[in-house]
Amino acid sequence: MGLDKLIKKLKQNLNKGTKSKNEIRCEQIDSLLEKLKKKERELKNLLADENDKSERKHLKLELKIASVERKKGLKRRAELKKKCK
């Protein structure tokens, strides 16, 4: 699954916690956070092996985005801990 899809799904699941009608599925959020962590590790490995400057710049940007989104997701997951079923 691509980085964009992971982030989109994570945001959708995290936003469900703001509305009372939608059920919060912590297992789904945890699964997406784990996939995002795996993606981060893959990007780090690719970055370590890459020699091309432009590709390294691109990989660094993707890695930073994944890292920031994962941190936001972990923070929001901690806030939703009480509402999880």
PDB file of N, CA and C in Angstrom:
ATOM      1  N   MET A   1       0.858  -1.174   0.000  1.00  0.00           N
ATOM      2  CA  MET A   1       0.000   0.000   0.000  1.00  0.00           C
ATOM      3  C   MET A   1       0.900   1.232   0.000  1.00  0.00           C
ATOM      4  N   GLY A   2       0.578   2.195  -0.825  1.00  0.00           N
ATOM      5  CA  GLY A   2       1.379   3.393  -0.926  1.00  0.00           C
ATOM      6  C   GLY A   2       1.223   4.313   0.264  1.00  0.00           C
ATOM      7  N   LEU A   3       2.150   5.210   0.402  1.00  0.00           N
ATOM      8  CA  LEU A   3       2.164   6.148   1.520  1.00  0.00           C
ATOM      9  C   LEU A   3       0.911   7.018   1.528  1.00  0.00           C
ATOM     10  N   ASP A   4       0.494   7.477   0.364  1.00  0.00           N
ATOM     11  CA  ASP A   4      -0.697   8.327   0.280  1.00  0.00           C
ATOM     12  C   ASP A   4      -1.945   7.602   0.780  1.00  0.00           C
ATOM     13  N   LYS A   5      -2.104   6.340   0.377  1.00  0.00           N
ATOM     14  CA  LYS A   5      -3.269   5.563   0.806  1.00  0.00           C
ATOM     15  C   LYS A   5      -3.248   5.325   2.305  1.00  0.00           C
ATOM     16  N   LEU A   6      -2.067   5.018   2.846  1.00  0.00           N
ATOM     17  CA  LEU A   6      -1.951   4.787   4.284  1.00  0.00           C
ATOM     18  C   LEU A   6      -2.355   6.025   5.079  1.00  0.00           C
ATOM     19  N   ILE A   7      -1.853   7.161   4.657  1.00  0.00           N
ATOM     20  CA  ILE A   7      -2.151   8.412   5.360  1.00  0.00           C
ATOM     21  C   ILE A   7      -3.635   8.746   5.244  1.00  0.00           C
ATOM     22  N   LYS A   8      -4.205   8.547   4.062  1.00  0.00           N
ATOM     23  CA  LYS A   8      -5.622   8.840   3.863  1.00  0.00           C
ATOM     24  C   LYS A   8      -6.498   7.968   4.757  1.00  0.00           C
ATOM     25  N   LYS A   9      -6.205   6.661   4.816  1.00  0.00           N
ATOM     26  CA  LYS A   9      -6.986   5.756   5.653  1.00  0.00           C
ATOM     27  C   LYS A   9      -6.815   6.086   7.129  1.00  0.00           C
ATOM     28  N   LEU A  10      -5.593   6.427   7.519  1.00  0.00           N
ATOM     29  CA  LEU A  10      -5.339   6.777   8.916  1.00  0.00           C
ATOM     30  C   LEU A  10      -6.138   8.011   9.310  1.00  0.00           C
ATOM     31  N   LYS A  11      -6.130   9.023   8.464  1.00  0.00           N
ATOM     32  CA  LYS A  11      -6.886  10.241   8.767  1.00  0.00           C
ATOM     33  C   LYS A  11      -8.381   9.965   8.856  1.00  0.00           C
ATOM     34  N   GLN A  12      -8.897   9.126   7.959  1.00  0.00           N
ATOM     35  CA  GLN A  12     -10.322   8.788   7.999  1.00  0.00           C
ATOM     36  C   GLN A  12     -10.679   8.101   9.306  1.00  0.00           C
ATOM     37  N   ASN A  13      -9.862   7.161   9.730  1.00  0.00           N
ATOM     38  CA  ASN A  13     -10.146   6.435  10.967  1.00  0.00           C
ATOM     39  C   ASN A  13      -9.963   7.309  12.194  1.00  0.00           C
ATOM     40  N   LEU A  14      -9.006   8.208  12.175  1.00  0.00           N
ATOM     41  CA  LEU A  14      -8.795   9.080  13.321  1.00  0.00           C
ATOM     42  C   LEU A  14      -9.900  10.117  13.432  1.00  0.00           C
ATOM     43  N   ASN A  15     -10.441  10.552  12.309  1.00  0.00           N
ATOM     44  CA  ASN A  15     -11.521  11.531  12.324  1.00  0.00           C
ATOM     45  C   ASN A  15     -12.833  10.928  12.797  1.00  0.00           C
ATOM     46  N   LYS A  16     -12.983   9.624  12.739  1.00  0.00           N
ATOM     47  CA  LYS A  16     -14.203   8.979  13.211  1.00  0.00           C
ATOM     48  C   LYS A  16     -14.396   9.214  14.704  1.00  0.00           C
ATOM     49  N   GLY A  17     -13.327   9.435  15.409  1.00  0.00           N
ATOM     50  CA  GLY A  17     -13.415   9.650  16.847  1.00  0.00           C
ATOM     51  C   GLY A  17     -14.037  10.974  17.228  1.00  0.00           C
ATOM     52  N   THR A  18     -14.127  11.905  16.297  1.00  0.00           N
ATOM     53  CA  THR A  18     -14.696  13.208  16.602  1.00  0.00           C
ATOM     54  C   THR A  18     -16.213  13.205  16.491  1.00  0.00           C
ATOM     55  N   LYS A  19     -16.765  12.221  15.808  1.00  0.00           N
ATOM     56  CA  LYS A  19     -18.212  12.151  15.638  1.00  0.00           C
ATOM     57  C   LYS A  19     -18.755  10.985  16.453  1.00  0.00           C
ATOM     58  N   SER A  20     -19.854  11.208  17.121  1.00  0.00           N
ATOM     59  CA  SER A  20     -20.401  10.173  18.002  1.00  0.00           C
ATOM     60  C   SER A  20     -21.079   9.033  17.237  1.00  0.00           C
ATOM     61  N   LYS A  21     -21.547   9.272  16.018  1.00  0.00           N
ATOM     62  CA  LYS A  21     -22.256   8.244  15.262  1.00  0.00           C
ATOM     63  C   LYS A  21     -21.324   7.144  14.771  1.00  0.00           C
ATOM     64  N   ASN A  22     -20.116   7.507  14.428  1.00  0.00           N
ATOM     65  CA  ASN A  22     -19.182   6.538  13.881  1.00  0.00           C
ATOM     66  C   ASN A  22     -18.475   5.767  14.985  1.00  0.00           C
ATOM     67  N   GLU A  23     -18.371   4.476  14.796  1.00  0.00           N
ATOM     68  CA  GLU A  23     -17.648   3.643  15.746  1.00  0.00           C
ATOM     69  C   GLU A  23     -16.158   3.804  15.538  1.00  0.00           C
ATOM     70  N   ILE A  24     -15.458   3.812  16.626  1.00  0.00           N
ATOM     71  CA  ILE A  24     -14.014   3.896  16.551  1.00  0.00           C
ATOM     72  C   ILE A  24     -13.469   2.479  16.572  1.00  0.00           C
ATOM     73  N   ARG A  25     -12.647   2.151  15.634  1.00  0.00           N
ATOM     74  CA  ARG A  25     -12.053   0.818  15.555  1.00  0.00           C
ATOM     75  C   ARG A  25     -10.556   0.950  15.802  1.00  0.00           C
ATOM     76  N   CYS A  26     -10.176   0.784  17.033  1.00  0.00           N
ATOM     77  CA  CYS A  26      -8.778   0.953  17.414  1.00  0.00           C
ATOM     78  C   CYS A  26      -7.872  -0.074  16.741  1.00  0.00           C
ATOM     79  N   GLU A  27      -8.407  -1.256  16.471  1.00  0.00           N
ATOM     80  CA  GLU A  27      -7.602  -2.274  15.809  1.00  0.00           C
ATOM     81  C   GLU A  27      -7.182  -1.804  14.416  1.00  0.00           C
ATOM     82  N   GLN A  28      -8.114  -1.144  13.720  1.00  0.00           N
ATOM     83  CA  GLN A  28      -7.802  -0.625  12.388  1.00  0.00           C
ATOM     84  C   GLN A  28      -6.751   0.476  12.471  1.00  0.00           C
ATOM     85  N   ILE A  29      -6.905   1.352  13.440  1.00  0.00           N
ATOM     86  CA  ILE A  29      -5.946   2.442  13.615  1.00  0.00           C
ATOM     87  C   ILE A  29      -4.578   1.869  13.945  1.00  0.00           C
ATOM     88  N   ASP A  30      -4.542   0.909  14.866  1.00  0.00           N
ATOM     89  CA  ASP A  30      -3.270   0.278  15.233  1.00  0.00           C
ATOM     90  C   ASP A  30      -2.622  -0.405  14.037  1.00  0.00           C
ATOM     91  N   SER A  31      -3.438  -1.072  13.229  1.00  0.00           N
ATOM     92  CA  SER A  31      -2.933  -1.745  12.044  1.00  0.00           C
ATOM     93  C   SER A  31      -2.335  -0.743  11.056  1.00  0.00           C
ATOM     94  N   LEU A  32      -3.029   0.361  10.848  1.00  0.00           N
ATOM     95  CA  LEU A  32      -2.525   1.381   9.926  1.00  0.00           C
ATOM     96  C   LEU A  32      -1.244   2.026  10.453  1.00  0.00           C
ATOM     97  N   LEU A  33      -1.185   2.249  11.754  1.00  0.00           N
ATOM     98  CA  LEU A  33       0.030   2.816  12.339  1.00  0.00           C
ATOM     99  C   LEU A  33       1.206   1.849  12.189  1.00  0.00           C
ATOM    100  N   GLU A  34       0.936   0.571  12.324  1.00  0.00           N
ATOM    101  CA  GLU A  34       1.986  -0.437  12.149  1.00  0.00           C
ATOM    102  C   GLU A  34       2.473  -0.472  10.704  1.00  0.00           C
ATOM    103  N   LYS A  35       1.539  -0.373   9.754  1.00  0.00           N
ATOM    104  CA  LYS A  35       1.910  -0.347   8.339  1.00  0.00           C
ATOM    105  C   LYS A  35       2.726   0.895   8.021  1.00  0.00           C
ATOM    106  N   LEU A  36       2.360   2.010   8.637  1.00  0.00           N
ATOM    107  CA  LEU A  36       3.098   3.245   8.421  1.00  0.00           C
ATOM    108  C   LEU A  36       4.518   3.125   8.987  1.00  0.00           C
ATOM    109  N   LYS A  37       4.653   2.464  10.116  1.00  0.00           N
ATOM    110  CA  LYS A  37       5.968   2.238  10.707  1.00  0.00           C
ATOM    111  C   LYS A  37       6.813   1.354   9.790  1.00  0.00           C
ATOM    112  N   LYS A  38       6.185   0.332   9.215  1.00  0.00           N
ATOM    113  CA  LYS A  38       6.883  -0.555   8.281  1.00  0.00           C
ATOM    114  C   LYS A  38       7.342   0.230   7.053  1.00  0.00           C
ATOM    115  N   LYS A  39       6.483   1.109   6.567  1.00  0.00           N
ATOM    116  CA  LYS A  39       6.814   1.943   5.406  1.00  0.00           C
ATOM    117  C   LYS A  39       8.007   2.844   5.724  1.00  0.00           C
ATOM    118  N   GLU A  40       8.035   3.388   6.951  1.00  0.00           N
ATOM    119  CA  GLU A  40       9.158   4.212   7.375  1.00  0.00           C
ATOM    120  C   GLU A  40      10.462   3.421   7.319  1.00  0.00           C
ATOM    121  N   ARG A  41      10.437   2.196   7.830  1.00  0.00           N
ATOM    122  CA  ARG A  41      11.636   1.351   7.813  1.00  0.00           C
ATOM    123  C   ARG A  41      12.082   1.066   6.382  1.00  0.00           C
ATOM    124  N   GLU A  42      11.136   0.795   5.492  1.00  0.00           N
ATOM    125  CA  GLU A  42      11.464   0.538   4.088  1.00  0.00           C
ATOM    126  C   GLU A  42      12.120   1.766   3.453  1.00  0.00           C
ATOM    127  N   LEU A  43      11.561   2.938   3.734  1.00  0.00           N
ATOM    128  CA  LEU A  43      12.119   4.168   3.176  1.00  0.00           C
ATOM    129  C   LEU A  43      13.529   4.422   3.704  1.00  0.00           C
ATOM    130  N   LYS A  44      13.767   4.139   4.979  1.00  0.00           N
ATOM    131  CA  LYS A  44      15.107   4.302   5.551  1.00  0.00           C
ATOM    132  C   LYS A  44      16.103   3.381   4.858  1.00  0.00           C
ATOM    133  N   ASN A  45      15.688   2.148   4.603  1.00  0.00           N
ATOM    134  CA  ASN A  45      16.573   1.199   3.919  1.00  0.00           C
ATOM    135  C   ASN A  45      16.860   1.644   2.494  1.00  0.00           C
ATOM    136  N   LEU A  46      15.823   2.101   1.795  1.00  0.00           N
ATOM    137  CA  LEU A  46      16.020   2.593   0.430  1.00  0.00           C
ATOM    138  C   LEU A  46      16.942   3.809   0.410  1.00  0.00           C
ATOM    139  N   LEU A  47      16.776   4.679   1.379  1.00  0.00           N
ATOM    140  CA  LEU A  47      17.599   5.883   1.469  1.00  0.00           C
ATOM    141  C   LEU A  47      19.060   5.526   1.702  1.00  0.00           C
ATOM    142  N   ALA A  48      19.307   4.530   2.526  1.00  0.00           N
ATOM    143  CA  ALA A  48      20.680   4.113   2.818  1.00  0.00           C
ATOM    144  C   ALA A  48      21.371   3.539   1.584  1.00  0.00           C
ATOM    145  N   ASP A  49      20.600   2.918   0.698  1.00  0.00           N
ATOM    146  CA  ASP A  49      21.175   2.284  -0.488  1.00  0.00           C
ATOM    147  C   ASP A  49      21.237   3.203  -1.705  1.00  0.00           C
ATOM    148  N   GLU A  50      20.574   4.332  -1.666  1.00  0.00           N
ATOM    149  CA  GLU A  50      20.459   5.217  -2.831  1.00  0.00           C
ATOM    150  C   GLU A  50      21.672   6.139  -2.947  1.00  0.00           C
ATOM    151  N   ASN A  51      22.154   6.313  -4.193  1.00  0.00           N
ATOM    152  CA  ASN A  51      23.295   7.198  -4.451  1.00  0.00           C
ATOM    153  C   ASN A  51      22.907   8.465  -5.203  1.00  0.00           C
ATOM    154  N   ASP A  52      21.825   8.418  -5.965  1.00  0.00           N
ATOM    155  CA  ASP A  52      21.373   9.550  -6.765  1.00  0.00           C
ATOM    156  C   ASP A  52      20.836  10.659  -5.850  1.00  0.00           C
ATOM    157  N   LYS A  53      21.347  11.882  -6.027  1.00  0.00           N
ATOM    158  CA  LYS A  53      20.965  13.001  -5.154  1.00  0.00           C
ATOM    159  C   LYS A  53      19.485  13.331  -5.220  1.00  0.00           C
ATOM    160  N   SER A  54      18.932  13.381  -6.412  1.00  0.00           N
ATOM    161  CA  SER A  54      17.521  13.753  -6.541  1.00  0.00           C
ATOM    162  C   SER A  54      16.615  12.674  -5.931  1.00  0.00           C
ATOM    163  N   GLU A  55      16.974  11.424  -6.111  1.00  0.00           N
ATOM    164  CA  GLU A  55      16.173  10.340  -5.536  1.00  0.00           C
ATOM    165  C   GLU A  55      16.297  10.329  -4.016  1.00  0.00           C
ATOM    166  N   ARG A  56      17.490  10.626  -3.498  1.00  0.00           N
ATOM    167  CA  ARG A  56      17.677  10.703  -2.045  1.00  0.00           C
ATOM    168  C   ARG A  56      16.821  11.824  -1.449  1.00  0.00           C
ATOM    169  N   LYS A  57      16.762  12.943  -2.163  1.00  0.00           N
ATOM    170  CA  LYS A  57      15.948  14.073  -1.699  1.00  0.00           C
ATOM    171  C   LYS A  57      14.477  13.669  -1.644  1.00  0.00           C
ATOM    172  N   HIS A  58      14.024  12.978  -2.668  1.00  0.00           N
ATOM    173  CA  HIS A  58      12.634  12.508  -2.734  1.00  0.00           C
ATOM    174  C   HIS A  58      12.338  11.526  -1.596  1.00  0.00           C
ATOM    175  N   LEU A  59      13.248  10.597  -1.360  1.00  0.00           N
ATOM    176  CA  LEU A  59      13.065   9.610  -0.300  1.00  0.00           C
ATOM    177  C   LEU A  59      13.063  10.264   1.084  1.00  0.00           C
ATOM    178  N   LYS A  60      13.926  11.268   1.263  1.00  0.00           N
ATOM    179  CA  LYS A  60      13.957  11.988   2.543  1.00  0.00           C
ATOM    180  C   LYS A  60      12.631  12.690   2.803  1.00  0.00           C
ATOM    181  N   LEU A  61      12.066  13.281   1.761  1.00  0.00           N
ATOM    182  CA  LEU A  61      10.783  13.967   1.894  1.00  0.00           C
ATOM    183  C   LEU A  61       9.675  12.973   2.259  1.00  0.00           C
ATOM    184  N   GLU A  62       9.624  11.851   1.572  1.00  0.00           N
ATOM    185  CA  GLU A  62       8.616  10.834   1.882  1.00  0.00           C
ATOM    186  C   GLU A  62       8.789  10.303   3.297  1.00  0.00           C
ATOM    187  N   LEU A  63      10.026  10.111   3.709  1.00  0.00           N
ATOM    188  CA  LEU A  63      10.312   9.619   5.055  1.00  0.00           C
ATOM    189  C   LEU A  63       9.855  10.619   6.107  1.00  0.00           C
ATOM    190  N   LYS A  64      10.096  11.882   5.850  1.00  0.00           N
ATOM    191  CA  LYS A  64       9.676  12.914   6.799  1.00  0.00           C
ATOM    192  C   LYS A  64       8.154  12.967   6.908  1.00  0.00           C
ATOM    193  N   ILE A  65       7.470  12.874   5.783  1.00  0.00           N
ATOM    194  CA  ILE A  65       6.003  12.888   5.770  1.00  0.00           C
ATOM    195  C   ILE A  65       5.464  11.694   6.550  1.00  0.00           C
ATOM    196  N   ALA A  66       6.017  10.522   6.290  1.00  0.00           N
ATOM    197  CA  ALA A  66       5.564   9.313   6.986  1.00  0.00           C
ATOM    198  C   ALA A  66       5.794   9.436   8.486  1.00  0.00           C
ATOM    199  N   SER A  67       6.925   9.974   8.859  1.00  0.00           N
ATOM    200  CA  SER A  67       7.267  10.124  10.274  1.00  0.00           C
ATOM    201  C   SER A  67       6.322  11.083  10.979  1.00  0.00           C
ATOM    202  N   VAL A  68       6.067  12.219  10.359  1.00  0.00           N
ATOM    203  CA  VAL A  68       5.180  13.224  10.959  1.00  0.00           C
ATOM    204  C   VAL A  68       3.758  12.689  11.079  1.00  0.00           C
ATOM    205  N   GLU A  69       3.272  12.047  10.043  1.00  0.00           N
ATOM    206  CA  GLU A  69       1.906  11.503  10.071  1.00  0.00           C
ATOM    207  C   GLU A  69       1.777  10.409  11.126  1.00  0.00           C
ATOM    208  N   ARG A  70       2.798   9.592  11.268  1.00  0.00           N
ATOM    209  CA  ARG A  70       2.755   8.528  12.274  1.00  0.00           C
ATOM    210  C   ARG A  70       2.734   9.114  13.684  1.00  0.00           C
ATOM    211  N   LYS A  71       3.530  10.146  13.898  1.00  0.00           N
ATOM    212  CA  LYS A  71       3.541  10.794  15.214  1.00  0.00           C
ATOM    213  C   LYS A  71       2.180  11.412  15.528  1.00  0.00           C
ATOM    214  N   LYS A  72       1.571  12.060  14.535  1.00  0.00           N
ATOM    215  CA  LYS A  72       0.238  12.633  14.742  1.00  0.00           C
ATOM    216  C   LYS A  72      -0.772  11.536  15.035  1.00  0.00           C
ATOM    217  N   GLY A  73      -0.646  10.422  14.320  1.00  0.00           N
ATOM    218  CA  GLY A  73      -1.551   9.303  14.523  1.00  0.00           C
ATOM    219  C   GLY A  73      -1.410   8.692  15.909  1.00  0.00           C
ATOM    220  N   LEU A  74      -0.188   8.563  16.389  1.00  0.00           N
ATOM    221  CA  LEU A  74       0.038   8.014  17.722  1.00  0.00           C
ATOM    222  C   LEU A  74      -0.531   8.925  18.803  1.00  0.00           C
ATOM    223  N   LYS A  75      -0.379  10.220  18.597  1.00  0.00           N
ATOM    224  CA  LYS A  75      -0.909  11.185  19.566  1.00  0.00           C
ATOM    225  C   LYS A  75      -2.433  11.107  19.614  1.00  0.00           C
ATOM    226  N   ARG A  76      -3.047  11.066  18.446  1.00  0.00           N
ATOM    227  CA  ARG A  76      -4.514  10.992  18.371  1.00  0.00           C
ATOM    228  C   ARG A  76      -5.021   9.660  18.910  1.00  0.00           C
ATOM    229  N   ARG A  77      -4.280   8.587  18.664  1.00  0.00           N
ATOM    230  CA  ARG A  77      -4.661   7.264  19.159  1.00  0.00           C
ATOM    231  C   ARG A  77      -4.666   7.256  20.687  1.00  0.00           C
ATOM    232  N   ALA A  78      -3.717   7.937  21.284  1.00  0.00           N
ATOM    233  CA  ALA A  78      -3.665   8.033  22.743  1.00  0.00           C
ATOM    234  C   ALA A  78      -4.878   8.796  23.275  1.00  0.00           C
ATOM    235  N   GLU A  79      -5.317   9.828  22.553  1.00  0.00           N
ATOM    236  CA  GLU A  79      -6.491  10.589  22.953  1.00  0.00           C
ATOM    237  C   GLU A  79      -7.770   9.744  22.866  1.00  0.00           C
ATOM    238  N   LEU A  80      -7.821   8.835  21.893  1.00  0.00           N
ATOM    239  CA  LEU A  80      -9.009   8.015  21.672  1.00  0.00           C
ATOM    240  C   LEU A  80      -9.020   6.746  22.518  1.00  0.00           C
ATOM    241  N   LYS A  81      -8.012   6.547  23.294  1.00  0.00           N
ATOM    242  CA  LYS A  81      -7.873   5.298  24.054  1.00  0.00           C
ATOM    243  C   LYS A  81      -9.112   4.982  24.886  1.00  0.00           C
ATOM    244  N   LYS A  82      -9.716   5.986  25.497  1.00  0.00           N
ATOM    245  CA  LYS A  82     -10.897   5.778  26.338  1.00  0.00           C
ATOM    246  C   LYS A  82     -12.125   5.382  25.518  1.00  0.00           C
ATOM    247  N   LYS A  83     -12.219   5.847  24.292  1.00  0.00           N
ATOM    248  CA  LYS A  83     -13.394   5.594  23.457  1.00  0.00           C
ATOM    249  C   LYS A  83     -13.314   4.269  22.705  1.00  0.00           C
ATOM    250  N   CYS A  84     -12.173   3.624  22.731  1.00  0.00           N
ATOM    251  CA  CYS A  84     -12.022   2.374  21.981  1.00  0.00           C
ATOM    252  C   CYS A  84     -12.879   1.269  22.561  1.00  0.00           C
ATOM    253  N   LYS A  85     -13.377   0.459  21.654  1.00  0.00           N
ATOM    254  CA  LYS A  85     -14.261  -0.632  22.071  1.00  0.00           C
ATOM    255  C   LYS A  85     -13.550  -1.942  21.938  1.00  0.00           C
TER     256      LYS A  85
END
